[in-house]
């Protein structure tokens, strides 16, 4: 039995991502939309420690799921994600970074250039 998303905000975000992908002719937004369409139990969860390990200073990271607060982050990094735990948001800001939702990143960087996708 296939289940579908029912949250209207999530569905609207998925539609917006697909439209942006088509408009700007880039695949990153389509990839994120496909990740968000997955069942909730299969959605991506990334710890800040994983972000620390796989990012450089002043880099922009996109997580098509939830960022969790486990681990340490010691450098300035901009993180866009579908959701953040409070602890993750605090750790990112304490390291001098910035956290934002996916829509904000799309508005700032419509082409998705210089963005690293972490799953």
PDB file of N, CA and C in Angstrom:
ATOM      1  N   UNK A   1       0.841  -1.179   0.000  1.00  0.00           N
ATOM      2  CA  UNK A   1       0.000   0.000   0.000  1.00  0.00           C
ATOM      3  C   UNK A   1       0.888   1.245   0.000  1.00  0.00           C
ATOM      4  N   UNK A   2       0.716   2.084  -0.972  1.00  0.00           N
ATOM      5  CA  UNK A   2       1.513   3.297  -1.071  1.00  0.00           C
ATOM      6  C   UNK A   2       0.818   4.418  -0.297  1.00  0.00           C
ATOM      7  N   UNK A   3       1.597   5.073   0.533  1.00  0.00           N
ATOM      8  CA  UNK A   3       1.042   6.204   1.270  1.00  0.00           C
ATOM      9  C   UNK A   3       1.494   7.497   0.615  1.00  0.00           C
ATOM     10  N   UNK A   4       0.698   8.522   0.768  1.00  0.00           N
ATOM     11  CA  UNK A   4       1.044   9.819   0.203  1.00  0.00           C
ATOM     12  C   UNK A   4       1.128  10.852   1.321  1.00  0.00           C
ATOM     13  N   UNK A   5       1.843  11.899   1.054  1.00  0.00           N
ATOM     14  CA  UNK A   5       1.967  12.996   2.011  1.00  0.00           C
ATOM     15  C   UNK A   5       0.622  13.712   2.123  1.00  0.00           C
ATOM     16  N   UNK A   6       0.292  14.139   3.329  1.00  0.00           N
ATOM     17  CA  UNK A   6      -0.964  14.863   3.527  1.00  0.00           C
ATOM     18  C   UNK A   6      -0.738  16.280   4.043  1.00  0.00           C
ATOM     19  N   UNK A   7       0.452  16.566   4.566  1.00  0.00           N
ATOM     20  CA  UNK A   7       0.739  17.900   5.067  1.00  0.00           C
ATOM     21  C   UNK A   7       0.818  18.868   3.886  1.00  0.00           C
ATOM     22  N   UNK A   8      -0.051  19.851   3.883  1.00  0.00           N
ATOM     23  CA  UNK A   8      -0.129  20.779   2.755  1.00  0.00           C
ATOM     24  C   UNK A   8       1.139  21.619   2.594  1.00  0.00           C
ATOM     25  N   UNK A   9       1.793  21.953   3.702  1.00  0.00           N
ATOM     26  CA  UNK A   9       3.043  22.725   3.618  1.00  0.00           C
ATOM     27  C   UNK A   9       4.131  21.916   2.929  1.00  0.00           C
ATOM     28  N   UNK A  10       4.212  20.646   3.269  1.00  0.00           N
ATOM     29  CA  UNK A  10       5.208  19.773   2.643  1.00  0.00           C
ATOM     30  C   UNK A  10       4.905  19.603   1.154  1.00  0.00           C
ATOM     31  N   UNK A  11       3.652  19.387   0.831  1.00  0.00           N
ATOM     32  CA  UNK A  11       3.263  19.224  -0.574  1.00  0.00           C
ATOM     33  C   UNK A  11       3.561  20.485  -1.379  1.00  0.00           C
ATOM     34  N   UNK A  12       3.309  21.644  -0.789  1.00  0.00           N
ATOM     35  CA  UNK A  12       3.587  22.907  -1.473  1.00  0.00           C
ATOM     36  C   UNK A  12       5.093  23.090  -1.677  1.00  0.00           C
ATOM     37  N   UNK A  13       5.889  22.721  -0.687  1.00  0.00           N
ATOM     38  CA  UNK A  13       7.344  22.802  -0.828  1.00  0.00           C
ATOM     39  C   UNK A  13       7.833  21.886  -1.947  1.00  0.00           C
ATOM     40  N   UNK A  14       7.307  20.688  -2.020  1.00  0.00           N
ATOM     41  CA  UNK A  14       7.702  19.744  -3.073  1.00  0.00           C
ATOM     42  C   UNK A  14       7.352  20.310  -4.446  1.00  0.00           C
ATOM     43  N   UNK A  15       6.150  20.866  -4.576  1.00  0.00           N
ATOM     44  CA  UNK A  15       5.749  21.487  -5.854  1.00  0.00           C
ATOM     45  C   UNK A  15       6.676  22.656  -6.213  1.00  0.00           C
ATOM     46  N   UNK A  16       6.999  23.478  -5.230  1.00  0.00           N
ATOM     47  CA  UNK A  16       7.875  24.627  -5.460  1.00  0.00           C
ATOM     48  C   UNK A  16       9.269  24.176  -5.883  1.00  0.00           C
ATOM     49  N   UNK A  17       9.784  23.140  -5.242  1.00  0.00           N
ATOM     50  CA  UNK A  17      11.106  22.613  -5.603  1.00  0.00           C
ATOM     51  C   UNK A  17      11.117  22.104  -7.042  1.00  0.00           C
ATOM     52  N   UNK A  18      10.086  21.371  -7.429  1.00  0.00           N
ATOM     53  CA  UNK A  18      10.020  20.852  -8.800  1.00  0.00           C
ATOM     54  C   UNK A  18       9.918  21.985  -9.815  1.00  0.00           C
ATOM     55  N   UNK A  19       9.120  23.000  -9.491  1.00  0.00           N
ATOM     56  CA  UNK A  19       8.972  24.137 -10.389  1.00  0.00           C
ATOM     57  C   UNK A  19      10.295  24.886 -10.524  1.00  0.00           C
ATOM     58  N   UNK A  20      10.992  25.092  -9.411  1.00  0.00           N
ATOM     59  CA  UNK A  20      12.284  25.778  -9.426  1.00  0.00           C
ATOM     60  C   UNK A  20      13.303  24.994 -10.250  1.00  0.00           C
ATOM     61  N   UNK A  21      13.276  23.671 -10.120  1.00  0.00           N
ATOM     62  CA  UNK A  21      14.182  22.820 -10.885  1.00  0.00           C
ATOM     63  C   UNK A  21      13.945  22.992 -12.378  1.00  0.00           C
ATOM     64  N   UNK A  22      12.686  23.030 -12.755  1.00  0.00           N
ATOM     65  CA  UNK A  22      12.330  23.192 -14.159  1.00  0.00           C
ATOM     66  C   UNK A  22      12.671  24.593 -14.661  1.00  0.00           C
ATOM     67  N   UNK A  23      12.350  25.611 -13.874  1.00  0.00           N
ATOM     68  CA  UNK A  23      12.586  26.997 -14.267  1.00  0.00           C
ATOM     69  C   UNK A  23      14.067  27.299 -14.433  1.00  0.00           C
ATOM     70  N   UNK A  24      14.866  26.868 -13.468  1.00  0.00           N
ATOM     71  CA  UNK A  24      16.302  27.166 -13.487  1.00  0.00           C
ATOM     72  C   UNK A  24      17.124  26.112 -14.224  1.00  0.00           C
ATOM     73  N   UNK A  25      16.487  25.025 -14.635  1.00  0.00           N
ATOM     74  CA  UNK A  25      17.144  23.928 -15.344  1.00  0.00           C
ATOM     75  C   UNK A  25      18.325  23.358 -14.554  1.00  0.00           C
ATOM     76  N   UNK A  26      18.058  23.065 -13.260  1.00  0.00           N
ATOM     77  CA  UNK A  26      19.053  22.441 -12.394  1.00  0.00           C
ATOM     78  C   UNK A  26      18.410  21.253 -11.678  1.00  0.00           C
ATOM     79  N   UNK A  27      19.213  20.239 -11.395  1.00  0.00           N
ATOM     80  CA  UNK A  27      18.679  19.006 -10.812  1.00  0.00           C
ATOM     81  C   UNK A  27      18.643  18.977  -9.289  1.00  0.00           C
ATOM     82  N   UNK A  28      19.367  19.867  -8.616  1.00  0.00           N
ATOM     83  CA  UNK A  28      19.452  19.778  -7.160  1.00  0.00           C
ATOM     84  C   UNK A  28      18.075  19.895  -6.507  1.00  0.00           C
ATOM     85  N   UNK A  29      17.231  20.779  -7.016  1.00  0.00           N
ATOM     86  CA  UNK A  29      15.903  20.968  -6.397  1.00  0.00           C
ATOM     87  C   UNK A  29      15.009  19.761  -6.650  1.00  0.00           C
ATOM     88  N   UNK A  30      15.133  19.133  -7.825  1.00  0.00           N
ATOM     89  CA  UNK A  30      14.351  17.927  -8.110  1.00  0.00           C
ATOM     90  C   UNK A  30      14.780  16.776  -7.199  1.00  0.00           C
ATOM     91  N   UNK A  31      16.084  16.664  -6.953  1.00  0.00           N
ATOM     92  CA  UNK A  31      16.601  15.633  -6.061  1.00  0.00           C
ATOM     93  C   UNK A  31      16.063  15.818  -4.646  1.00  0.00           C
ATOM     94  N   UNK A  32      16.048  17.052  -4.171  1.00  0.00           N
ATOM     95  CA  UNK A  32      15.530  17.347  -2.829  1.00  0.00           C
ATOM     96  C   UNK A  32      14.028  17.028  -2.773  1.00  0.00           C
ATOM     97  N   UNK A  33      13.292  17.376  -3.821  1.00  0.00           N
ATOM     98  CA  UNK A  33      11.853  17.087  -3.858  1.00  0.00           C
ATOM     99  C   UNK A  33      11.606  15.579  -3.771  1.00  0.00           C
ATOM    100  N   UNK A  34      12.395  14.794  -4.489  1.00  0.00           N
ATOM    101  CA  UNK A  34      12.239  13.335  -4.439  1.00  0.00           C
ATOM    102  C   UNK A  34      12.529  12.799  -3.038  1.00  0.00           C
ATOM    103  N   UNK A  35      13.541  13.352  -2.375  1.00  0.00           N
ATOM    104  CA  UNK A  35      13.861  12.930  -1.014  1.00  0.00           C
ATOM    105  C   UNK A  35      12.707  13.251  -0.057  1.00  0.00           C
ATOM    106  N   UNK A  36      12.100  14.420  -0.227  1.00  0.00           N
ATOM    107  CA  UNK A  36      10.997  14.821   0.658  1.00  0.00           C
ATOM    108  C   UNK A  36       9.717  14.033   0.391  1.00  0.00           C
ATOM    109  N   UNK A  37       9.593  13.467  -0.797  1.00  0.00           N
ATOM    110  CA  UNK A  37       8.417  12.656  -1.121  1.00  0.00           C
ATOM    111  C   UNK A  37       8.453  11.292  -0.455  1.00  0.00           C
ATOM    112  N   UNK A  38       9.610  10.880   0.016  1.00  0.00           N
ATOM    113  CA  UNK A  38       9.737   9.565   0.651  1.00  0.00           C
ATOM    114  C   UNK A  38       8.901   9.508   1.928  1.00  0.00           C
ATOM    115  N   UNK A  39       8.622   8.299   2.365  1.00  0.00           N
ATOM    116  CA  UNK A  39       7.883   8.099   3.610  1.00  0.00           C
ATOM    117  C   UNK A  39       8.636   8.751   4.768  1.00  0.00           C
ATOM    118  N   UNK A  40       7.900   9.253   5.744  1.00  0.00           N
ATOM    119  CA  UNK A  40       8.528   9.941   6.889  1.00  0.00           C
ATOM    120  C   UNK A  40       9.555   9.074   7.592  1.00  0.00           C
ATOM    121  N   UNK A  41       9.294   7.803   7.712  1.00  0.00           N
ATOM    122  CA  UNK A  41      10.230   6.930   8.423  1.00  0.00           C
ATOM    123  C   UNK A  41      11.520   6.704   7.634  1.00  0.00           C
ATOM    124  N   UNK A  42      11.525   7.048   6.358  1.00  0.00           N
ATOM    125  CA  UNK A  42      12.715   6.895   5.530  1.00  0.00           C
ATOM    126  C   UNK A  42      13.399   8.222   5.234  1.00  0.00           C
ATOM    127  N   UNK A  43      12.910   9.306   5.826  1.00  0.00           N
ATOM    128  CA  UNK A  43      13.508  10.607   5.550  1.00  0.00           C
ATOM    129  C   UNK A  43      14.894  10.721   6.160  1.00  0.00           C
ATOM    130  N   UNK A  44      15.708  11.526   5.540  1.00  0.00           N
ATOM    131  CA  UNK A  44      17.088  11.725   5.941  1.00  0.00           C
ATOM    132  C   UNK A  44      17.181  12.428   7.289  1.00  0.00           C
ATOM    133  N   UNK A  45      18.053  11.927   8.155  1.00  0.00           N
ATOM    134  CA  UNK A  45      18.378  12.579   9.413  1.00  0.00           C
ATOM    135  C   UNK A  45      19.902  12.668   9.493  1.00  0.00           C
ATOM    136  N   UNK A  46      20.405  13.878   9.686  1.00  0.00           N
ATOM    137  CA  UNK A  46      21.845  14.116   9.712  1.00  0.00           C
ATOM    138  C   UNK A  46      22.198  14.828  11.015  1.00  0.00           C
ATOM    139  N   UNK A  47      23.223  14.355  11.703  1.00  0.00           N
ATOM    140  CA  UNK A  47      23.698  15.005  12.920  1.00  0.00           C
ATOM    141  C   UNK A  47      24.675  16.124  12.579  1.00  0.00           C
ATOM    142  N   UNK A  48      24.776  17.118  13.485  1.00  0.00           N
ATOM    143  CA  UNK A  48      25.721  18.210  13.241  1.00  0.00           C
ATOM    144  C   UNK A  48      27.160  17.691  13.186  1.00  0.00           C
ATOM    145  N   UNK A  49      27.452  16.618  13.876  1.00  0.00           N
ATOM    146  CA  UNK A  49      28.779  16.013  13.796  1.00  0.00           C
ATOM    147  C   UNK A  49      29.095  15.525  12.394  1.00  0.00           C
ATOM    148  N   UNK A  50      28.104  15.016  11.683  1.00  0.00           N
ATOM    149  CA  UNK A  50      28.263  14.572  10.294  1.00  0.00           C
ATOM    150  C   UNK A  50      28.518  15.783   9.387  1.00  0.00           C
ATOM    151  N   UNK A  51      27.799  16.873   9.668  1.00  0.00           N
ATOM    152  CA  UNK A  51      28.010  18.099   8.898  1.00  0.00           C
ATOM    153  C   UNK A  51      29.433  18.608   9.115  1.00  0.00           C
ATOM    154  N   UNK A  52      29.893  18.570  10.363  1.00  0.00           N
ATOM    155  CA  UNK A  52      31.272  18.990  10.693  1.00  0.00           C
ATOM    156  C   UNK A  52      32.288  18.197   9.882  1.00  0.00           C
ATOM    157  N   UNK A  53      32.077  16.905   9.809  1.00  0.00           N
ATOM    158  CA  UNK A  53      33.018  16.005   9.147  1.00  0.00           C
ATOM    159  C   UNK A  53      33.042  16.197   7.629  1.00  0.00           C
ATOM    160  N   UNK A  54      31.909  16.554   7.046  1.00  0.00           N
ATOM    161  CA  UNK A  54      31.794  16.590   5.585  1.00  0.00           C
ATOM    162  C   UNK A  54      31.643  17.998   5.011  1.00  0.00           C
ATOM    163  N   UNK A  55      32.073  19.014   5.759  1.00  0.00           N
ATOM    164  CA  UNK A  55      31.954  20.379   5.247  1.00  0.00           C
ATOM    165  C   UNK A  55      33.213  21.182   5.545  1.00  0.00           C
ATOM    166  N   UNK A  56      33.366  22.241   4.795  1.00  0.00           N
ATOM    167  CA  UNK A  56      34.479  23.176   4.971  1.00  0.00           C
ATOM    168  C   UNK A  56      33.938  24.473   5.570  1.00  0.00           C
ATOM    169  N   UNK A  57      34.834  25.347   5.995  1.00  0.00           N
ATOM    170  CA  UNK A  57      34.448  26.646   6.521  1.00  0.00           C
ATOM    171  C   UNK A  57      33.737  27.471   5.442  1.00  0.00           C
ATOM    172  N   UNK A  58      32.675  28.150   5.807  1.00  0.00           N
ATOM    173  CA  UNK A  58      31.875  29.016   4.918  1.00  0.00           C
ATOM    174  C   UNK A  58      31.182  28.261   3.783  1.00  0.00           C
ATOM    175  N   UNK A  59      30.978  26.988   3.920  1.00  0.00           N
ATOM    176  CA  UNK A  59      30.300  26.196   2.895  1.00  0.00           C
ATOM    177  C   UNK A  59      28.790  26.192   3.166  1.00  0.00           C
ATOM    178  N   UNK A  60      28.017  25.969   2.117  1.00  0.00           N
ATOM    179  CA  UNK A  60      26.564  25.856   2.258  1.00  0.00           C
ATOM    180  C   UNK A  60      26.174  24.395   2.087  1.00  0.00           C
ATOM    181  N   UNK A  61      25.465  23.871   3.082  1.00  0.00           N
ATOM    182  CA  UNK A  61      25.051  22.469   3.114  1.00  0.00           C
ATOM    183  C   UNK A  61      23.534  22.413   3.034  1.00  0.00           C
ATOM    184  N   UNK A  62      23.023  21.480   2.249  1.00  0.00           N
ATOM    185  CA  UNK A  62      21.575  21.267   2.128  1.00  0.00           C
ATOM    186  C   UNK A  62      21.245  19.849   2.582  1.00  0.00           C
ATOM    187  N   UNK A  63      20.350  19.739   3.557  1.00  0.00           N
ATOM    188  CA  UNK A  63      19.915  18.446   4.078  1.00  0.00           C
ATOM    189  C   UNK A  63      18.431  18.281   3.733  1.00  0.00           C
ATOM    190  N   UNK A  64      18.092  17.312   2.884  1.00  0.00           N
ATOM    191  CA  UNK A  64      16.683  17.112   2.532  1.00  0.00           C
ATOM    192  C   UNK A  64      15.944  16.300   3.598  1.00  0.00           C
ATOM    193  N   UNK A  65      15.986  16.775   4.806  1.00  0.00           N
ATOM    194  CA  UNK A  65      15.365  16.088   5.925  1.00  0.00           C
ATOM    195  C   UNK A  65      15.595  16.879   7.189  1.00  0.00           C
ATOM    196  N   UNK A  66      15.938  16.181   8.266  1.00  0.00           N
ATOM    197  CA  UNK A  66      16.059  16.807   9.580  1.00  0.00           C
ATOM    198  C   UNK A  66      17.516  16.821  10.047  1.00  0.00           C
ATOM    199  N   UNK A  67      17.920  17.943  10.669  1.00  0.00           N
ATOM    200  CA  UNK A  67      19.247  18.051  11.253  1.00  0.00           C
ATOM    201  C   UNK A  67      19.099  17.849  12.757  1.00  0.00           C
ATOM    202  N   UNK A  68      19.861  16.881  13.280  1.00  0.00           N
ATOM    203  CA  UNK A  68      19.821  16.534  14.701  1.00  0.00           C
ATOM    204  C   UNK A  68      21.037  17.119  15.418  1.00  0.00           C
ATOM    205  N   UNK A  69      20.960  17.264  16.727  1.00  0.00           N
ATOM    206  CA  UNK A  69      21.978  17.962  17.489  1.00  0.00           C
ATOM    207  C   UNK A  69      23.122  17.132  18.025  1.00  0.00           C
ATOM    208  N   UNK A  70      23.262  15.879  17.639  1.00  0.00           N
ATOM    209  CA  UNK A  70      24.333  15.047  18.169  1.00  0.00           C
ATOM    210  C   UNK A  70      25.668  15.415  17.529  1.00  0.00           C
ATOM    211  N   UNK A  71      26.700  15.529  18.330  1.00  0.00           N
ATOM    212  CA  UNK A  71      28.032  15.842  17.825  1.00  0.00           C
ATOM    213  C   UNK A  71      28.377  17.302  18.026  1.00  0.00           C
ATOM    214  N   UNK A  72      29.555  17.670  17.535  1.00  0.00           N
ATOM    215  CA  UNK A  72      30.048  19.045  17.664  1.00  0.00           C
ATOM    216  C   UNK A  72      30.296  19.620  16.287  1.00  0.00           C
ATOM    217  N   UNK A  73      30.151  20.920  16.199  1.00  0.00           N
ATOM    218  CA  UNK A  73      30.506  21.620  14.964  1.00  0.00           C
ATOM    219  C   UNK A  73      31.375  22.809  15.360  1.00  0.00           C
ATOM    220  N   UNK A  74      32.522  22.919  14.715  1.00  0.00           N
ATOM    221  CA  UNK A  74      33.508  23.917  15.130  1.00  0.00           C
ATOM    222  C   UNK A  74      33.837  24.947  14.064  1.00  0.00           C
ATOM    223  N   UNK A  75      33.137  24.937  12.963  1.00  0.00           N
ATOM    224  CA  UNK A  75      33.429  25.944  11.950  1.00  0.00           C
ATOM    225  C   UNK A  75      32.138  26.549  11.402  1.00  0.00           C
ATOM    226  N   UNK A  76      32.303  27.689  10.769  1.00  0.00           N
ATOM    227  CA  UNK A  76      31.201  28.456  10.216  1.00  0.00           C
ATOM    228  C   UNK A  76      30.645  27.745   8.981  1.00  0.00           C
ATOM    229  N   UNK A  77      29.385  27.362   9.031  1.00  0.00           N
ATOM    230  CA  UNK A  77      28.760  26.688   7.904  1.00  0.00           C
ATOM    231  C   UNK A  77      27.286  27.107   7.832  1.00  0.00           C
ATOM    232  N   UNK A  78      26.797  27.311   6.629  1.00  0.00           N
ATOM    233  CA  UNK A  78      25.385  27.628   6.420  1.00  0.00           C
ATOM    234  C   UNK A  78      24.662  26.322   6.117  1.00  0.00           C
ATOM    235  N   UNK A  79      23.596  26.058   6.858  1.00  0.00           N
ATOM    236  CA  UNK A  79      22.874  24.799   6.700  1.00  0.00           C
ATOM    237  C   UNK A  79      21.411  25.091   6.381  1.00  0.00           C
ATOM    238  N   UNK A  80      20.929  24.508   5.297  1.00  0.00           N
ATOM    239  CA  UNK A  80      19.515  24.582   4.943  1.00  0.00           C
ATOM    240  C   UNK A  80      18.944  23.175   5.078  1.00  0.00           C
ATOM    241  N   UNK A  81      17.771  23.077   5.694  1.00  0.00           N
ATOM    242  CA  UNK A  81      17.152  21.766   5.884  1.00  0.00           C
ATOM    243  C   UNK A  81      15.645  21.914   5.985  1.00  0.00           C
ATOM    244  N   UNK A  82      14.969  20.777   5.911  1.00  0.00           N
ATOM    245  CA  UNK A  82      13.522  20.745   6.069  1.00  0.00           C
ATOM    246  C   UNK A  82      13.140  21.046   7.512  1.00  0.00           C
ATOM    247  N   UNK A  83      13.886  20.458   8.478  1.00  0.00           N
ATOM    248  CA  UNK A  83      13.637  20.674   9.901  1.00  0.00           C
ATOM    249  C   UNK A  83      14.957  20.677  10.664  1.00  0.00           C
ATOM    250  N   UNK A  84      14.953  21.352  11.807  1.00  0.00           N
ATOM    251  CA  UNK A  84      16.092  21.374  12.719  1.00  0.00           C
ATOM    252  C   UNK A  84      15.588  21.103  14.127  1.00  0.00           C
ATOM    253  N   UNK A  85      16.366  20.368  14.916  1.00  0.00           N
ATOM    254  CA  UNK A  85      16.065  20.293  16.345  1.00  0.00           C
ATOM    255  C   UNK A  85      16.600  21.587  16.968  1.00  0.00           C
ATOM    256  N   UNK A  86      16.104  21.929  18.140  1.00  0.00           N
ATOM    257  CA  UNK A  86      16.573  23.141  18.811  1.00  0.00           C
ATOM    258  C   UNK A  86      18.063  23.065  19.100  1.00  0.00           C
ATOM    259  N   UNK A  87      18.519  21.905  19.523  1.00  0.00           N
ATOM    260  CA  UNK A  87      19.933  21.714  19.851  1.00  0.00           C
ATOM    261  C   UNK A  87      20.811  21.906  18.610  1.00  0.00           C
ATOM    262  N   UNK A  88      20.378  21.391  17.478  1.00  0.00           N
ATOM    263  CA  UNK A  88      21.150  21.543  16.243  1.00  0.00           C
ATOM    264  C   UNK A  88      21.241  23.018  15.848  1.00  0.00           C
ATOM    265  N   UNK A  89      20.135  23.723  15.931  1.00  0.00           N
ATOM    266  CA  UNK A  89      20.119  25.142  15.578  1.00  0.00           C
ATOM    267  C   UNK A  89      21.065  25.930  16.488  1.00  0.00           C
ATOM    268  N   UNK A  90      21.062  25.634  17.788  1.00  0.00           N
ATOM    269  CA  UNK A  90      21.942  26.316  18.740  1.00  0.00           C
ATOM    270  C   UNK A  90      23.409  26.057  18.408  1.00  0.00           C
ATOM    271  N   UNK A  91      23.749  24.812  18.098  1.00  0.00           N
ATOM    272  CA  UNK A  91      25.146  24.459  17.812  1.00  0.00           C
ATOM    273  C   UNK A  91      25.637  25.118  16.528  1.00  0.00           C
ATOM    274  N   UNK A  92      24.788  25.185  15.517  1.00  0.00           N
ATOM    275  CA  UNK A  92      25.178  25.816  14.249  1.00  0.00           C
ATOM    276  C   UNK A  92      25.430  27.303  14.469  1.00  0.00           C
ATOM    277  N   UNK A  93      24.525  27.975  15.191  1.00  0.00           N
ATOM    278  CA  UNK A  93      24.694  29.402  15.463  1.00  0.00           C
ATOM    279  C   UNK A  93      25.905  29.669  16.362  1.00  0.00           C
ATOM    280  N   UNK A  94      26.128  28.804  17.352  1.00  0.00           N
ATOM    281  CA  UNK A  94      27.252  28.985  18.267  1.00  0.00           C
ATOM    282  C   UNK A  94      28.591  28.882  17.529  1.00  0.00           C
ATOM    283  N   UNK A  95      28.625  28.111  16.454  1.00  0.00           N
ATOM    284  CA  UNK A  95      29.852  27.962  15.667  1.00  0.00           C
ATOM    285  C   UNK A  95      30.022  29.103  14.662  1.00  0.00           C
ATOM    286  N   UNK A  96      29.080  30.050  14.661  1.00  0.00           N
ATOM    287  CA  UNK A  96      29.168  31.181  13.740  1.00  0.00           C
ATOM    288  C   UNK A  96      28.449  30.944  12.429  1.00  0.00           C
ATOM    289  N   UNK A  97      27.729  29.848  12.331  1.00  0.00           N
ATOM    290  CA  UNK A  97      27.013  29.518  11.109  1.00  0.00           C
ATOM    291  C   UNK A  97      25.599  30.054  11.105  1.00  0.00           C
ATOM    292  N   UNK A  98      24.871  29.664  10.088  1.00  0.00           N
ATOM    293  CA  UNK A  98      23.503  30.129   9.910  1.00  0.00           C
ATOM    294  C   UNK A  98      22.655  28.926   9.523  1.00  0.00           C
ATOM    295  N   UNK A  99      21.464  28.829  10.083  1.00  0.00           N
ATOM    296  CA  UNK A  99      20.548  27.780   9.662  1.00  0.00           C
ATOM    297  C   UNK A  99      19.328  28.422   9.024  1.00  0.00           C
ATOM    298  N   UNK A 100      18.773  27.744   8.028  1.00  0.00           N
ATOM    299  CA  UNK A 100      17.636  28.278   7.283  1.00  0.00           C
ATOM    300  C   UNK A 100      16.825  27.126   6.723  1.00  0.00           C
ATOM    301  N   UNK A 101      15.596  27.435   6.305  1.00  0.00           N
ATOM    302  CA  UNK A 101      14.803  26.393   5.668  1.00  0.00           C
ATOM    303  C   UNK A 101      15.134  26.340   4.171  1.00  0.00           C
ATOM    304  N   UNK A 102      14.652  25.325   3.519  1.00  0.00           N
ATOM    305  CA  UNK A 102      14.991  25.094   2.113  1.00  0.00           C
ATOM    306  C   UNK A 102      14.476  26.221   1.226  1.00  0.00           C
ATOM    307  N   UNK A 103      13.306  26.754   1.529  1.00  0.00           N
ATOM    308  CA  UNK A 103      12.735  27.845   0.737  1.00  0.00           C
ATOM    309  C   UNK A 103      13.634  29.076   0.779  1.00  0.00           C
ATOM    310  N   UNK A 104      14.182  29.390   1.963  1.00  0.00           N
ATOM    311  CA  UNK A 104      15.089  30.537   2.073  1.00  0.00           C
ATOM    312  C   UNK A 104      16.329  30.350   1.199  1.00  0.00           C
ATOM    313  N   UNK A 105      16.865  29.139   1.176  1.00  0.00           N
ATOM    314  CA  UNK A 105      18.027  28.859   0.330  1.00  0.00           C
ATOM    315  C   UNK A 105      17.671  29.004  -1.146  1.00  0.00           C
ATOM    316  N   UNK A 106      16.490  28.533  -1.523  1.00  0.00           N
ATOM    317  CA  UNK A 106      16.049  28.663  -2.917  1.00  0.00           C
ATOM    318  C   UNK A 106      15.938  30.133  -3.322  1.00  0.00           C
ATOM    319  N   UNK A 107      15.439  30.958  -2.405  1.00  0.00           N
ATOM    320  CA  UNK A 107      15.318  32.393  -2.691  1.00  0.00           C
ATOM    321  C   UNK A 107      16.697  33.051  -2.810  1.00  0.00           C
ATOM    322  N   UNK A 108      17.624  32.674  -1.938  1.00  0.00           N
ATOM    323  CA  UNK A 108      18.981  33.233  -1.942  1.00  0.00           C
ATOM    324  C   UNK A 108      19.806  32.751  -3.122  1.00  0.00           C
ATOM    325  N   UNK A 109      19.622  31.492  -3.494  1.00  0.00           N
ATOM    326  CA  UNK A 109      20.470  30.858  -4.499  1.00  0.00           C
ATOM    327  C   UNK A 109      19.599  30.017  -5.439  1.00  0.00           C
ATOM    328  N   UNK A 110      18.880  30.655  -6.365  1.00  0.00           N
ATOM    329  CA  UNK A 110      17.936  29.923  -7.227  1.00  0.00           C
ATOM    330  C   UNK A 110      18.564  28.802  -8.058  1.00  0.00           C
ATOM    331  N   UNK A 111      19.825  28.962  -8.437  1.00  0.00           N
ATOM    332  CA  UNK A 111      20.502  27.927  -9.239  1.00  0.00           C
ATOM    333  C   UNK A 111      21.049  26.798  -8.378  1.00  0.00           C
ATOM    334  N   UNK A 112      21.124  27.017  -7.067  1.00  0.00           N
ATOM    335  CA  UNK A 112      21.668  25.989  -6.191  1.00  0.00           C
ATOM    336  C   UNK A 112      23.161  25.785  -6.375  1.00  0.00           C
ATOM    337  N   UNK A 113      23.842  26.817  -6.853  1.00  0.00           N
ATOM    338  CA  UNK A 113      25.281  26.677  -7.101  1.00  0.00           C
ATOM    339  C   UNK A 113      26.062  26.741  -5.796  1.00  0.00           C
ATOM    340  N   UNK A 114      27.153  26.008  -5.751  1.00  0.00           N
ATOM    341  CA  UNK A 114      28.033  25.923  -4.580  1.00  0.00           C
ATOM    342  C   UNK A 114      27.304  25.427  -3.334  1.00  0.00           C
ATOM    343  N   UNK A 115      26.373  24.521  -3.519  1.00  0.00           N
ATOM    344  CA  UNK A 115      25.628  23.920  -2.411  1.00  0.00           C
ATOM    345  C   UNK A 115      25.963  22.435  -2.387  1.00  0.00           C
ATOM    346  N   UNK A 116      26.317  21.942  -1.209  1.00  0.00           N
ATOM    347  CA  UNK A 116      26.620  20.512  -1.046  1.00  0.00           C
ATOM    348  C   UNK A 116      25.409  19.834  -0.431  1.00  0.00           C
ATOM    349  N   UNK A 117      24.954  18.765  -1.063  1.00  0.00           N
ATOM    350  CA  UNK A 117      23.810  17.999  -0.594  1.00  0.00           C
ATOM    351  C   UNK A 117      24.295  16.855   0.297  1.00  0.00           C
ATOM    352  N   UNK A 118      23.805  16.816   1.542  1.00  0.00           N
ATOM    353  CA  UNK A 118      24.172  15.745   2.473  1.00  0.00           C
ATOM    354  C   UNK A 118      22.948  14.894   2.762  1.00  0.00           C
ATOM    355  N   UNK A 119      23.129  13.580   2.628  1.00  0.00           N
ATOM    356  CA  UNK A 119      22.029  12.653   2.936  1.00  0.00           C
ATOM    357  C   UNK A 119      22.502  11.651   3.951  1.00  0.00           C
TER     358      UNK A 119
END
